[in-house]
Amino acid sequence: MTEPLFFAPIFKERIWGGKELEDKFAYKVPYDRTGECWAISAHLNGPSIVENGPFSGKTLNEVWRENPEVFDHYGGDTFPLLTKILDANQDLSVQVHPDNLYANLYENGELGKTECWYIIDCKEGAEMIYGHNAKTKEEFIRMIENGDWDKLLRRVKVKPGDFFYVPSGTIHALCEGTVVLETQQSSDTTYRVYDYERRDENGRKRELHLEKAIDVTTVPHIDVDNKFLISKYKDILITTFIENQFFSVHKWEIDGIASLTMDKPFMLCSVINGNGTLRSAEGDYSFNKGSHFILPAKTKNFEISGICELIVSHL
């Protein structure tokens, strides 16, 4: 099979969400506080449903289990990646994620959560929390207990087009006025460290997970030096943001017709700007801003025509 798999977005209500996903991507969001679009997911908390072709109506989980040839028999019980778009209408909680070993031990076999963010859009002067200033675990605990958040947390400015790698163990939070595309391991495990004393619609503070957060946080914080590789191939500009054991993430900027070769078990593609047509051996497939699809292993040679930008990830 060479036909791409297109998916319907799954929306999640979040206390910090808004309606930017509707405004920017013309999605019909179901909530006034829609915080997340799970775009390509096989996680049990939000499995994507195929919209086209012979697998129409099946979940990505089902295709992964029942038709391994689609993914070049990559193997494993769990589809490894998850793509989201997040609308931070308000500040997210300050949080941290476990690695594979800790999550497997304490979260019923869940994967760890290493992730990365591409900033699609943000308000002028927007920030994010990325890392902390504690030198030792004892200092980290003391600053949390004393509520010294301004001293503990590192803030960095963000702008559209920025990319941030967030390894497991990294203290982080998106802040108000930011829309990002997130590529991550297929996990839904988050340990909240601080939530600004917010209360939900029932007047309750959301649960914190301080013991586990202290366990998994990397101390001292380790900065990641992201050095992007930019290359031009015919009518496509390719920016490689990261390549490691968890995922590789690229941006494709196309203006014209790009002839490409598929040499991975599968690729996850999210259209963040423009529109176009994907042509494979089985036909032509139109897409627009907000479309999400997987290119299966047997796609091999294909073309993308149009003026568009895609975030592409693979193993």
C-alpha atoms as a PDB file:
ATOM      1  CA  MET A   1       0.000   0.000   0.000  1.00  0.00           C
ATOM      2  CA  THR A   2       1.347   3.422  -0.983  1.00  0.00           C
ATOM      3  CA  GLU A   3      -1.724   5.492  -0.086  1.00  0.00           C
ATOM      4  CA  PRO A   4      -1.208   8.074   2.682  1.00  0.00           C
ATOM      5  CA  LEU A   5      -3.327   7.776   5.824  1.00  0.00           C
ATOM      6  CA  PHE A   6      -5.209  10.983   6.664  1.00  0.00           C
ATOM      7  CA  PHE A   7      -6.610  11.513  10.172  1.00  0.00           C
ATOM      8  CA  ALA A   8      -9.427  13.458  11.780  1.00  0.00           C
ATOM      9  CA  PRO A   9      -8.191  15.667  14.643  1.00  0.00           C
ATOM     10  CA  ILE A  10      -9.130  14.828  18.240  1.00  0.00           C
ATOM     11  CA  PHE A  11      -9.688  17.804  20.533  1.00  0.00           C
ATOM     12  CA  LYS A  12      -9.046  18.013  24.268  1.00  0.00           C
ATOM     13  CA  GLU A  13     -10.524  20.557  26.656  1.00  0.00           C
ATOM     14  CA  ARG A  14      -7.915  22.125  28.914  1.00  0.00           C
ATOM     15  CA  ILE A  15      -8.153  24.759  31.633  1.00  0.00           C
ATOM     16  CA  TRP A  16      -5.537  26.807  29.765  1.00  0.00           C
ATOM     17  CA  GLY A  17      -7.016  26.384  26.260  1.00  0.00           C
ATOM     18  CA  GLY A  18      -8.846  28.781  23.957  1.00  0.00           C
ATOM     19  CA  LYS A  19     -10.160  28.941  20.375  1.00  0.00           C
ATOM     20  CA  GLU A  20      -6.993  29.706  18.412  1.00  0.00           C
ATOM     21  CA  LEU A  21      -7.090  26.264  16.788  1.00  0.00           C
ATOM     22  CA  GLU A  22     -10.388  27.247  15.192  1.00  0.00           C
ATOM     23  CA  ASP A  23      -9.095  30.632  14.114  1.00  0.00           C
ATOM     24  CA  LYS A  24      -5.775  29.430  12.720  1.00  0.00           C
ATOM     25  CA  PHE A  25      -6.700  26.063  11.225  1.00  0.00           C
ATOM     26  CA  ALA A  26     -10.460  26.370  10.550  1.00  0.00           C
ATOM     27  CA  TYR A  27     -11.104  23.396  12.827  1.00  0.00           C
ATOM     28  CA  LYS A  28     -14.561  23.098  14.350  1.00  0.00           C
ATOM     29  CA  VAL A  29     -13.435  22.940  17.967  1.00  0.00           C
ATOM     30  CA  PRO A  30     -15.945  21.540  20.469  1.00  0.00           C
ATOM     31  CA  TYR A  31     -14.935  23.608  23.509  1.00  0.00           C
ATOM     32  CA  ASP A  32     -14.374  27.275  24.351  1.00  0.00           C
ATOM     33  CA  ARG A  33     -11.201  26.121  26.085  1.00  0.00           C
ATOM     34  CA  THR A  34      -9.803  23.735  23.495  1.00  0.00           C
ATOM     35  CA  GLY A  35      -6.176  23.282  24.459  1.00  0.00           C
ATOM     36  CA  GLU A  36      -4.991  20.369  22.348  1.00  0.00           C
ATOM     37  CA  CYS A  37      -5.494  18.856  18.940  1.00  0.00           C
ATOM     38  CA  TRP A  38      -4.237  15.272  18.978  1.00  0.00           C
ATOM     39  CA  ALA A  39      -3.378  15.155  15.305  1.00  0.00           C
ATOM     40  CA  ILE A  40      -1.697  11.762  14.828  1.00  0.00           C
ATOM     41  CA  SER A  41      -2.083   9.482  17.831  1.00  0.00           C
ATOM     42  CA  ALA A  42      -2.258   5.816  18.712  1.00  0.00           C
ATOM     43  CA  HIS A  43      -2.385   6.513  22.450  1.00  0.00           C
ATOM     44  CA  LEU A  44      -5.352   4.938  24.213  1.00  0.00           C
ATOM     45  CA  ASN A  45      -6.353   8.351  25.622  1.00  0.00           C
ATOM     46  CA  GLY A  46      -7.037   9.614  22.104  1.00  0.00           C
ATOM     47  CA  PRO A  47      -6.486   7.249  19.156  1.00  0.00           C
ATOM     48  CA  SER A  48      -6.710   8.823  15.694  1.00  0.00           C
ATOM     49  CA  ILE A  49      -9.195   7.473  13.167  1.00  0.00           C
ATOM     50  CA  VAL A  50      -8.229   7.002   9.511  1.00  0.00           C
ATOM     51  CA  GLU A  51     -10.397   9.081   7.163  1.00  0.00           C
ATOM     52  CA  ASN A  52      -9.540   7.583   3.774  1.00  0.00           C
ATOM     53  CA  GLY A  53      -8.737   4.429   1.820  1.00  0.00           C
ATOM     54  CA  PRO A  54      -9.016   0.768   2.791  1.00  0.00           C
ATOM     55  CA  PHE A  55      -8.465   1.488   6.504  1.00  0.00           C
ATOM     56  CA  SER A  56     -11.130   4.205   6.714  1.00  0.00           C
ATOM     57  CA  GLY A  57     -12.847   4.111  10.123  1.00  0.00           C
ATOM     58  CA  LYS A  58     -10.048   2.148  11.788  1.00  0.00           C
ATOM     59  CA  THR A  59      -7.910   3.598  14.545  1.00  0.00           C
ATOM     60  CA  LEU A  60      -4.191   4.034  14.082  1.00  0.00           C
ATOM     61  CA  ASN A  61      -3.766   1.443  16.852  1.00  0.00           C
ATOM     62  CA  GLU A  62      -5.683  -1.118  14.812  1.00  0.00           C
ATOM     63  CA  VAL A  63      -3.710  -0.487  11.647  1.00  0.00           C
ATOM     64  CA  TRP A  64      -0.450  -0.686  13.636  1.00  0.00           C
ATOM     65  CA  ARG A  65      -1.406  -4.068  15.121  1.00  0.00           C
ATOM     66  CA  GLU A  66      -3.206  -5.666  12.189  1.00  0.00           C
ATOM     67  CA  ASN A  67      -1.256  -4.360   9.198  1.00  0.00           C
ATOM     68  CA  PRO A  68       2.437  -4.135  10.158  1.00  0.00           C
ATOM     69  CA  GLU A  69       3.445  -4.035   6.493  1.00  0.00           C
ATOM     70  CA  VAL A  70       2.146  -0.449   6.360  1.00  0.00           C
ATOM     71  CA  PHE A  71       5.002   0.469   8.714  1.00  0.00           C
ATOM     72  CA  ASP A  72       7.607  -1.808   7.139  1.00  0.00           C
ATOM     73  CA  HIS A  73       7.134  -4.287  10.029  1.00  0.00           C
ATOM     74  CA  TYR A  74       8.828  -1.817  12.360  1.00  0.00           C
ATOM     75  CA  GLY A  75       7.519  -3.796  15.323  1.00  0.00           C
ATOM     76  CA  GLY A  76       6.724  -3.109  18.945  1.00  0.00           C
ATOM     77  CA  ASP A  77       3.464  -3.130  20.854  1.00  0.00           C
ATOM     78  CA  THR A  78       3.108   0.651  20.810  1.00  0.00           C
ATOM     79  CA  PHE A  79       3.100   3.119  17.946  1.00  0.00           C
ATOM     80  CA  PRO A  80       6.018   5.244  19.140  1.00  0.00           C
ATOM     81  CA  LEU A  81       5.146   8.844  18.183  1.00  0.00           C
ATOM     82  CA  LEU A  82       2.381  11.353  18.851  1.00  0.00           C
ATOM     83  CA  THR A  83       1.786  14.696  17.105  1.00  0.00           C
ATOM     84  CA  LYS A  84      -0.238  17.479  18.744  1.00  0.00           C
ATOM     85  CA  ILE A  85      -1.053  21.137  18.215  1.00  0.00           C
ATOM     86  CA  LEU A  86      -1.385  23.108  21.472  1.00  0.00           C
ATOM     87  CA  ASP A  87      -3.124  26.420  22.067  1.00  0.00           C
ATOM     88  CA  ALA A  88      -1.775  28.025  25.236  1.00  0.00           C
ATOM     89  CA  ASN A  89      -4.413  30.691  25.756  1.00  0.00           C
ATOM     90  CA  GLN A  90      -3.192  30.813  29.374  1.00  0.00           C
ATOM     91  CA  ASP A  91       0.005  29.601  31.020  1.00  0.00           C
ATOM     92  CA  LEU A  92       0.341  25.832  31.240  1.00  0.00           C
ATOM     93  CA  SER A  93       1.329  24.300  34.550  1.00  0.00           C
ATOM     94  CA  VAL A  94       5.043  23.995  35.208  1.00  0.00           C
ATOM     95  CA  GLN A  95       5.754  20.326  34.613  1.00  0.00           C
ATOM     96  CA  VAL A  96       8.255  17.581  33.930  1.00  0.00           C
ATOM     97  CA  HIS A  97       8.075  14.159  32.273  1.00  0.00           C
ATOM     98  CA  PRO A  98       9.701  10.826  33.166  1.00  0.00           C
ATOM     99  CA  ASP A  99      12.007   8.777  30.959  1.00  0.00           C
ATOM    100  CA  ASN A 100      11.159   5.312  29.637  1.00  0.00           C
ATOM    101  CA  LEU A 101      12.561   3.424  32.617  1.00  0.00           C
ATOM    102  CA  TYR A 102      10.733   5.469  35.278  1.00  0.00           C
ATOM    103  CA  ALA A 103       7.435   5.510  33.368  1.00  0.00           C
ATOM    104  CA  ASN A 104       7.584   1.777  32.780  1.00  0.00           C
ATOM    105  CA  LEU A 105       8.122   1.158  36.494  1.00  0.00           C
ATOM    106  CA  TYR A 106       5.627   3.641  37.936  1.00  0.00           C
ATOM    107  CA  GLU A 107       3.082   4.349  35.187  1.00  0.00           C
ATOM    108  CA  ASN A 108       1.871   0.872  34.236  1.00  0.00           C
ATOM    109  CA  GLY A 109       4.285   0.349  31.385  1.00  0.00           C
ATOM    110  CA  GLU A 110       3.719   3.761  29.781  1.00  0.00           C
ATOM    111  CA  LEU A 111       6.477   5.202  27.603  1.00  0.00           C
ATOM    112  CA  GLY A 112       8.509   8.101  28.886  1.00  0.00           C
ATOM    113  CA  LYS A 113       7.919  11.492  27.360  1.00  0.00           C
ATOM    114  CA  THR A 114      10.646  13.271  25.492  1.00  0.00           C
ATOM    115  CA  GLU A 115       9.136  15.935  23.257  1.00  0.00           C
ATOM    116  CA  CYS A 116       9.849  18.983  21.142  1.00  0.00           C
ATOM    117  CA  TRP A 117       7.992  22.136  20.156  1.00  0.00           C
ATOM    118  CA  TYR A 118       7.846  24.102  16.931  1.00  0.00           C
ATOM    119  CA  ILE A 119       6.416  27.583  17.598  1.00  0.00           C
ATOM    120  CA  ILE A 120       3.709  28.099  14.965  1.00  0.00           C
ATOM    121  CA  ASP A 121       2.624  31.481  16.302  1.00  0.00           C
ATOM    122  CA  CYS A 122       2.795  33.564  19.459  1.00  0.00           C
ATOM    123  CA  LYS A 123       2.008  37.015  20.728  1.00  0.00           C
ATOM    124  CA  GLU A 124       4.740  39.641  20.769  1.00  0.00           C
ATOM    125  CA  GLY A 125       7.033  39.183  23.760  1.00  0.00           C
ATOM    126  CA  ALA A 126       5.811  35.643  24.467  1.00  0.00           C
ATOM    127  CA  GLU A 127       7.856  33.439  26.771  1.00  0.00           C
ATOM    128  CA  MET A 128       8.184  29.845  27.828  1.00  0.00           C
ATOM    129  CA  ILE A 129       9.619  28.230  30.932  1.00  0.00           C
ATOM    130  CA  TYR A 130      12.568  26.051  30.024  1.00  0.00           C
ATOM    131  CA  GLY A 131      14.785  24.695  32.768  1.00  0.00           C
ATOM    132  CA  HIS A 132      15.577  25.773  36.321  1.00  0.00           C
ATOM    133  CA  ASN A 133      18.370  27.397  38.327  1.00  0.00           C
ATOM    134  CA  ALA A 134      18.890  24.890  41.164  1.00  0.00           C
ATOM    135  CA  LYS A 135      22.425  23.514  41.399  1.00  0.00           C
ATOM    136  CA  THR A 136      21.589  20.498  43.588  1.00  0.00           C
ATOM    137  CA  LYS A 137      18.554  18.345  44.289  1.00  0.00           C
ATOM    138  CA  GLU A 138      18.482  19.722  47.844  1.00  0.00           C
ATOM    139  CA  GLU A 139      18.349  23.298  46.545  1.00  0.00           C
ATOM    140  CA  PHE A 140      15.666  22.278  44.048  1.00  0.00           C
ATOM    141  CA  ILE A 141      13.489  20.829  46.827  1.00  0.00           C
ATOM    142  CA  ARG A 142      14.066  23.821  49.105  1.00  0.00           C
ATOM    143  CA  MET A 143      13.080  26.339  46.424  1.00  0.00           C
ATOM    144  CA  ILE A 144       9.878  24.400  45.707  1.00  0.00           C
ATOM    145  CA  GLU A 145       9.014  24.182  49.408  1.00  0.00           C
ATOM    146  CA  ASN A 146       9.630  27.923  49.843  1.00  0.00           C
ATOM    147  CA  GLY A 147       7.685  28.837  46.711  1.00  0.00           C
ATOM    148  CA  ASP A 148      10.690  30.631  45.199  1.00  0.00           C
ATOM    149  CA  TRP A 149       9.345  30.210  41.685  1.00  0.00           C
ATOM    150  CA  ASP A 150      10.810  33.432  40.262  1.00  0.00           C
ATOM    151  CA  LYS A 151      14.275  32.342  41.371  1.00  0.00           C
ATOM    152  CA  LEU A 152      13.853  28.698  40.419  1.00  0.00           C
ATOM    153  CA  LEU A 153      12.341  28.870  36.936  1.00  0.00           C
ATOM    154  CA  ARG A 154      14.153  29.952  33.792  1.00  0.00           C
ATOM    155  CA  ARG A 155      12.180  31.956  31.233  1.00  0.00           C
ATOM    156  CA  VAL A 156      13.128  32.360  27.582  1.00  0.00           C
ATOM    157  CA  LYS A 157      11.631  34.538  24.855  1.00  0.00           C
ATOM    158  CA  VAL A 158       9.979  32.778  21.910  1.00  0.00           C
ATOM    159  CA  LYS A 159       8.972  33.802  18.406  1.00  0.00           C
ATOM    160  CA  PRO A 160       7.304  32.076  15.447  1.00  0.00           C
ATOM    161  CA  GLY A 161       9.623  29.547  13.820  1.00  0.00           C
ATOM    162  CA  ASP A 162      11.554  28.728  17.002  1.00  0.00           C
ATOM    163  CA  PHE A 163      12.170  25.090  17.907  1.00  0.00           C
ATOM    164  CA  PHE A 164      12.774  23.665  21.394  1.00  0.00           C
ATOM    165  CA  TYR A 165      13.876  20.152  22.322  1.00  0.00           C
ATOM    166  CA  VAL A 166      12.464  19.063  25.698  1.00  0.00           C
ATOM    167  CA  PRO A 167      14.109  15.852  26.936  1.00  0.00           C
ATOM    168  CA  SER A 168      12.494  13.893  29.765  1.00  0.00           C
ATOM    169  CA  GLY A 169      13.570  15.386  33.090  1.00  0.00           C
ATOM    170  CA  THR A 170      13.350  18.989  31.820  1.00  0.00           C
ATOM    171  CA  ILE A 171      11.235  21.492  33.771  1.00  0.00           C
ATOM    172  CA  HIS A 172       9.108  23.350  31.224  1.00  0.00           C
ATOM    173  CA  ALA A 173       5.837  25.134  30.445  1.00  0.00           C
ATOM    174  CA  LEU A 174       4.299  26.946  27.530  1.00  0.00           C
ATOM    175  CA  CYS A 175       3.092  30.416  28.438  1.00  0.00           C
ATOM    176  CA  GLU A 176       0.116  32.517  27.418  1.00  0.00           C
ATOM    177  CA  GLY A 177      -0.324  33.421  23.769  1.00  0.00           C
ATOM    178  CA  THR A 178       1.553  30.541  22.144  1.00  0.00           C
ATOM    179  CA  VAL A 179       0.496  27.971  19.535  1.00  0.00           C
ATOM    180  CA  VAL A 180       2.902  25.083  18.963  1.00  0.00           C
ATOM    181  CA  LEU A 181       3.183  21.825  17.103  1.00  0.00           C
ATOM    182  CA  GLU A 182       4.482  19.162  19.459  1.00  0.00           C
ATOM    183  CA  THR A 183       6.244  15.970  18.433  1.00  0.00           C
ATOM    184  CA  GLN A 184       6.647  13.517  21.304  1.00  0.00           C
ATOM    185  CA  GLN A 185       6.913   9.942  22.393  1.00  0.00           C
ATOM    186  CA  SER A 186       3.492   8.328  22.611  1.00  0.00           C
ATOM    187  CA  SER A 187       2.865   9.075  26.276  1.00  0.00           C
ATOM    188  CA  ASP A 188       0.322  10.997  28.341  1.00  0.00           C
ATOM    189  CA  THR A 189       2.283  11.153  31.595  1.00  0.00           C
ATOM    190  CA  THR A 190       2.861  14.616  33.073  1.00  0.00           C
ATOM    191  CA  TYR A 191       4.032  15.531  36.580  1.00  0.00           C
ATOM    192  CA  ARG A 192       2.838  18.981  37.650  1.00  0.00           C
ATOM    193  CA  VAL A 193       5.249  20.991  39.763  1.00  0.00           C
ATOM    194  CA  TYR A 194       3.390  24.313  40.009  1.00  0.00           C
ATOM    195  CA  ASP A 195       0.010  25.513  38.729  1.00  0.00           C
ATOM    196  CA  TYR A 196      -0.129  29.185  39.779  1.00  0.00           C
ATOM    197  CA  GLU A 197      -2.652  28.352  42.528  1.00  0.00           C
ATOM    198  CA  ARG A 198      -5.315  27.969  39.820  1.00  0.00           C
ATOM    199  CA  ARG A 199      -8.677  26.410  40.530  1.00  0.00           C
ATOM    200  CA  ASP A 200     -10.842  24.393  38.163  1.00  0.00           C
ATOM    201  CA  GLU A 201     -14.526  24.988  37.439  1.00  0.00           C
ATOM    202  CA  ASN A 202     -15.377  23.238  40.707  1.00  0.00           C
ATOM    203  CA  GLY A 203     -13.132  25.511  42.745  1.00  0.00           C
ATOM    204  CA  ARG A 204     -10.497  22.853  43.347  1.00  0.00           C
ATOM    205  CA  LYS A 205      -6.771  23.204  42.812  1.00  0.00           C
ATOM    206  CA  ARG A 206      -5.400  20.735  40.300  1.00  0.00           C
ATOM    207  CA  GLU A 207      -3.291  17.882  41.635  1.00  0.00           C
ATOM    208  CA  LEU A 208       0.454  18.331  41.853  1.00  0.00           C
ATOM    209  CA  HIS A 209       2.906  15.433  41.604  1.00  0.00           C
ATOM    210  CA  LEU A 210       5.850  16.772  43.557  1.00  0.00           C
ATOM    211  CA  GLU A 211       7.360  13.505  44.771  1.00  0.00           C
ATOM    212  CA  LYS A 212       7.554  12.033  41.279  1.00  0.00           C
ATOM    213  CA  ALA A 213       8.585  15.362  39.754  1.00  0.00           C
ATOM    214  CA  ILE A 214      11.492  15.639  42.188  1.00  0.00           C
ATOM    215  CA  ASP A 215      12.483  12.056  41.361  1.00  0.00           C
ATOM    216  CA  VAL A 216      12.694  12.606  37.611  1.00  0.00           C
ATOM    217  CA  THR A 217      13.910  16.220  37.228  1.00  0.00           C
ATOM    218  CA  THR A 218      17.423  16.593  35.898  1.00  0.00           C
ATOM    219  CA  VAL A 219      19.487  18.630  38.400  1.00  0.00           C
ATOM    220  CA  PRO A 220      21.307  20.767  37.487  1.00  0.00           C
ATOM    221  CA  HIS A 221      19.443  21.656  34.296  1.00  0.00           C
ATOM    222  CA  ILE A 222      21.288  20.741  31.088  1.00  0.00           C
ATOM    223  CA  ASP A 223      20.918  23.192  28.213  1.00  0.00           C
ATOM    224  CA  VAL A 224      20.407  21.726  24.755  1.00  0.00           C
ATOM    225  CA  ASP A 225      22.396  23.290  21.939  1.00  0.00           C
ATOM    226  CA  ASN A 226      20.121  22.984  18.921  1.00  0.00           C
ATOM    227  CA  LYS A 227      22.098  23.442  15.728  1.00  0.00           C
ATOM    228  CA  PHE A 228      19.746  23.279  12.754  1.00  0.00           C
ATOM    229  CA  LEU A 229      20.777  21.953   9.364  1.00  0.00           C
ATOM    230  CA  ILE A 230      19.213  23.764   6.404  1.00  0.00           C
ATOM    231  CA  SER A 231      19.444  22.317   2.902  1.00  0.00           C
ATOM    232  CA  LYS A 232      17.843  23.070  -0.470  1.00  0.00           C
ATOM    233  CA  TYR A 233      16.729  20.337  -2.844  1.00  0.00           C
ATOM    234  CA  LYS A 234      15.060  21.532  -6.049  1.00  0.00           C
ATOM    235  CA  ASP A 235      11.803  23.218  -4.960  1.00  0.00           C
ATOM    236  CA  ILE A 236      12.009  22.275  -1.283  1.00  0.00           C
ATOM    237  CA  LEU A 237      13.844  23.911   1.608  1.00  0.00           C
ATOM    238  CA  ILE A 238      14.486  21.372   4.368  1.00  0.00           C
ATOM    239  CA  THR A 239      15.295  22.377   7.937  1.00  0.00           C
ATOM    240  CA  THR A 240      16.425  19.497  10.133  1.00  0.00           C
ATOM    241  CA  PHE A 241      15.729  20.410  13.749  1.00  0.00           C
ATOM    242  CA  ILE A 242      16.781  17.240  15.531  1.00  0.00           C
ATOM    243  CA  GLU A 243      17.751  13.612  14.916  1.00  0.00           C
ATOM    244  CA  ASN A 244      18.093  11.242  17.875  1.00  0.00           C
ATOM    245  CA  GLN A 245      16.951   7.899  19.267  1.00  0.00           C
ATOM    246  CA  PHE A 246      13.411   9.179  19.906  1.00  0.00           C
ATOM    247  CA  PHE A 247      12.566  10.975  16.666  1.00  0.00           C
ATOM    248  CA  SER A 248      13.802  13.104  13.807  1.00  0.00           C
ATOM    249  CA  VAL A 249      11.936  16.323  13.058  1.00  0.00           C
ATOM    250  CA  HIS A 250      12.154  18.458   9.919  1.00  0.00           C
ATOM    251  CA  LYS A 251      10.360  21.368   8.293  1.00  0.00           C
ATOM    252  CA  TRP A 252       9.642  21.161   4.583  1.00  0.00           C
ATOM    253  CA  GLU A 253       9.036  24.475   2.801  1.00  0.00           C
ATOM    254  CA  ILE A 254       7.734  23.854  -0.712  1.00  0.00           C
ATOM    255  CA  ASP A 255       7.156  26.372  -3.493  1.00  0.00           C
ATOM    256  CA  GLY A 256       6.501  24.487  -6.709  1.00  0.00           C
ATOM    257  CA  ILE A 257       6.858  20.744  -7.192  1.00  0.00           C
ATOM    258  CA  ALA A 258       9.070  18.678  -4.893  1.00  0.00           C
ATOM    259  CA  SER A 259      10.005  15.140  -5.926  1.00  0.00           C
ATOM    260  CA  LEU A 260      10.892  13.094  -2.861  1.00  0.00           C
ATOM    261  CA  THR A 261      11.892   9.569  -1.894  1.00  0.00           C
ATOM    262  CA  MET A 262      10.445   7.734   1.082  1.00  0.00           C
ATOM    263  CA  ASP A 263      13.234   5.822   2.857  1.00  0.00           C
ATOM    264  CA  LYS A 264      11.787   5.444   6.381  1.00  0.00           C
ATOM    265  CA  PRO A 265       9.378   2.894   7.894  1.00  0.00           C
ATOM    266  CA  PHE A 266       6.816   5.745   7.982  1.00  0.00           C
ATOM    267  CA  MET A 267       6.627   9.545   8.180  1.00  0.00           C
ATOM    268  CA  LEU A 268       4.198  11.746  10.110  1.00  0.00           C
ATOM    269  CA  CYS A 269       3.312  14.935   8.232  1.00  0.00           C
ATOM    270  CA  SER A 270       1.470  18.009   9.553  1.00  0.00           C
ATOM    271  CA  VAL A 271       0.623  20.957   7.303  1.00  0.00           C
ATOM    272  CA  ILE A 272       1.192  24.196   9.222  1.00  0.00           C
ATOM    273  CA  ASN A 273       0.827  26.623   6.321  1.00  0.00           C
ATOM    274  CA  GLY A 274      -0.560  26.708   2.796  1.00  0.00           C
ATOM    275  CA  ASN A 275      -2.042  23.919   0.714  1.00  0.00           C
ATOM    276  CA  GLY A 276      -1.056  21.510  -1.979  1.00  0.00           C
ATOM    277  CA  THR A 277      -1.312  18.061  -3.515  1.00  0.00           C
ATOM    278  CA  LEU A 278       0.514  14.851  -2.694  1.00  0.00           C
ATOM    279  CA  ARG A 279       0.916  12.509  -5.650  1.00  0.00           C
ATOM    280  CA  SER A 280       1.843   8.857  -5.081  1.00  0.00           C
ATOM    281  CA  ALA A 281       1.479   5.699  -7.150  1.00  0.00           C
ATOM    282  CA  GLU A 282      -2.136   5.332  -5.985  1.00  0.00           C
ATOM    283  CA  GLY A 283      -3.328   8.818  -6.896  1.00  0.00           C
ATOM    284  CA  ASP A 284      -3.485  12.486  -5.934  1.00  0.00           C
ATOM    285  CA  TYR A 285      -4.405  13.700  -2.449  1.00  0.00           C
ATOM    286  CA  SER A 286      -5.201  17.318  -1.677  1.00  0.00           C
ATOM    287  CA  PHE A 287      -4.282  18.819   1.668  1.00  0.00           C
ATOM    288  CA  ASN A 288      -4.467  22.194   3.372  1.00  0.00           C
ATOM    289  CA  LYS A 289      -3.349  23.956   6.515  1.00  0.00           C
ATOM    290  CA  GLY A 290      -4.301  21.733   9.445  1.00  0.00           C
ATOM    291  CA  SER A 291      -4.148  18.427   7.517  1.00  0.00           C
ATOM    292  CA  HIS A 292      -2.264  15.523   9.104  1.00  0.00           C
ATOM    293  CA  PHE A 293      -1.227  12.288   7.439  1.00  0.00           C
ATOM    294  CA  ILE A 294       1.195   9.360   7.573  1.00  0.00           C
ATOM    295  CA  LEU A 295       3.245   8.281   4.586  1.00  0.00           C
ATOM    296  CA  PRO A 296       3.561   4.466   4.763  1.00  0.00           C
ATOM    297  CA  ALA A 297       6.721   2.536   4.006  1.00  0.00           C
ATOM    298  CA  LYS A 298       5.818   1.553   0.442  1.00  0.00           C
ATOM    299  CA  THR A 299       5.160   5.098  -0.740  1.00  0.00           C
ATOM    300  CA  LYS A 300       8.735   5.188  -2.085  1.00  0.00           C
ATOM    301  CA  ASN A 301       8.653   7.966  -4.701  1.00  0.00           C
ATOM    302  CA  PHE A 302       6.154  10.806  -4.397  1.00  0.00           C
ATOM    303  CA  GLU A 303       5.614  14.446  -5.261  1.00  0.00           C
ATOM    304  CA  ILE A 304       4.264  17.369  -3.291  1.00  0.00           C
ATOM    305  CA  SER A 305       3.131  20.393  -5.274  1.00  0.00           C
ATOM    306  CA  GLY A 306       1.917  23.744  -3.985  1.00  0.00           C
ATOM    307  CA  ILE A 307       3.048  26.514  -1.655  1.00  0.00           C
ATOM    308  CA  CYS A 308       3.107  25.032   1.816  1.00  0.00           C
ATOM    309  CA  GLU A 309       5.029  24.243   4.995  1.00  0.00           C
ATOM    310  CA  LEU A 310       4.991  20.842   6.686  1.00  0.00           C
ATOM    311  CA  ILE A 311       6.491  19.545   9.922  1.00  0.00           C
ATOM    312  CA  VAL A 312       7.649  15.990   9.254  1.00  0.00           C
ATOM    313  CA  SER A 313       8.774  13.450  11.850  1.00  0.00           C
ATOM    314  CA  HIS A 314      10.004   9.882  11.752  1.00  0.00           C
ATOM    315  CA  LEU A 315      12.078   7.405  13.724  1.00  0.00           C
END
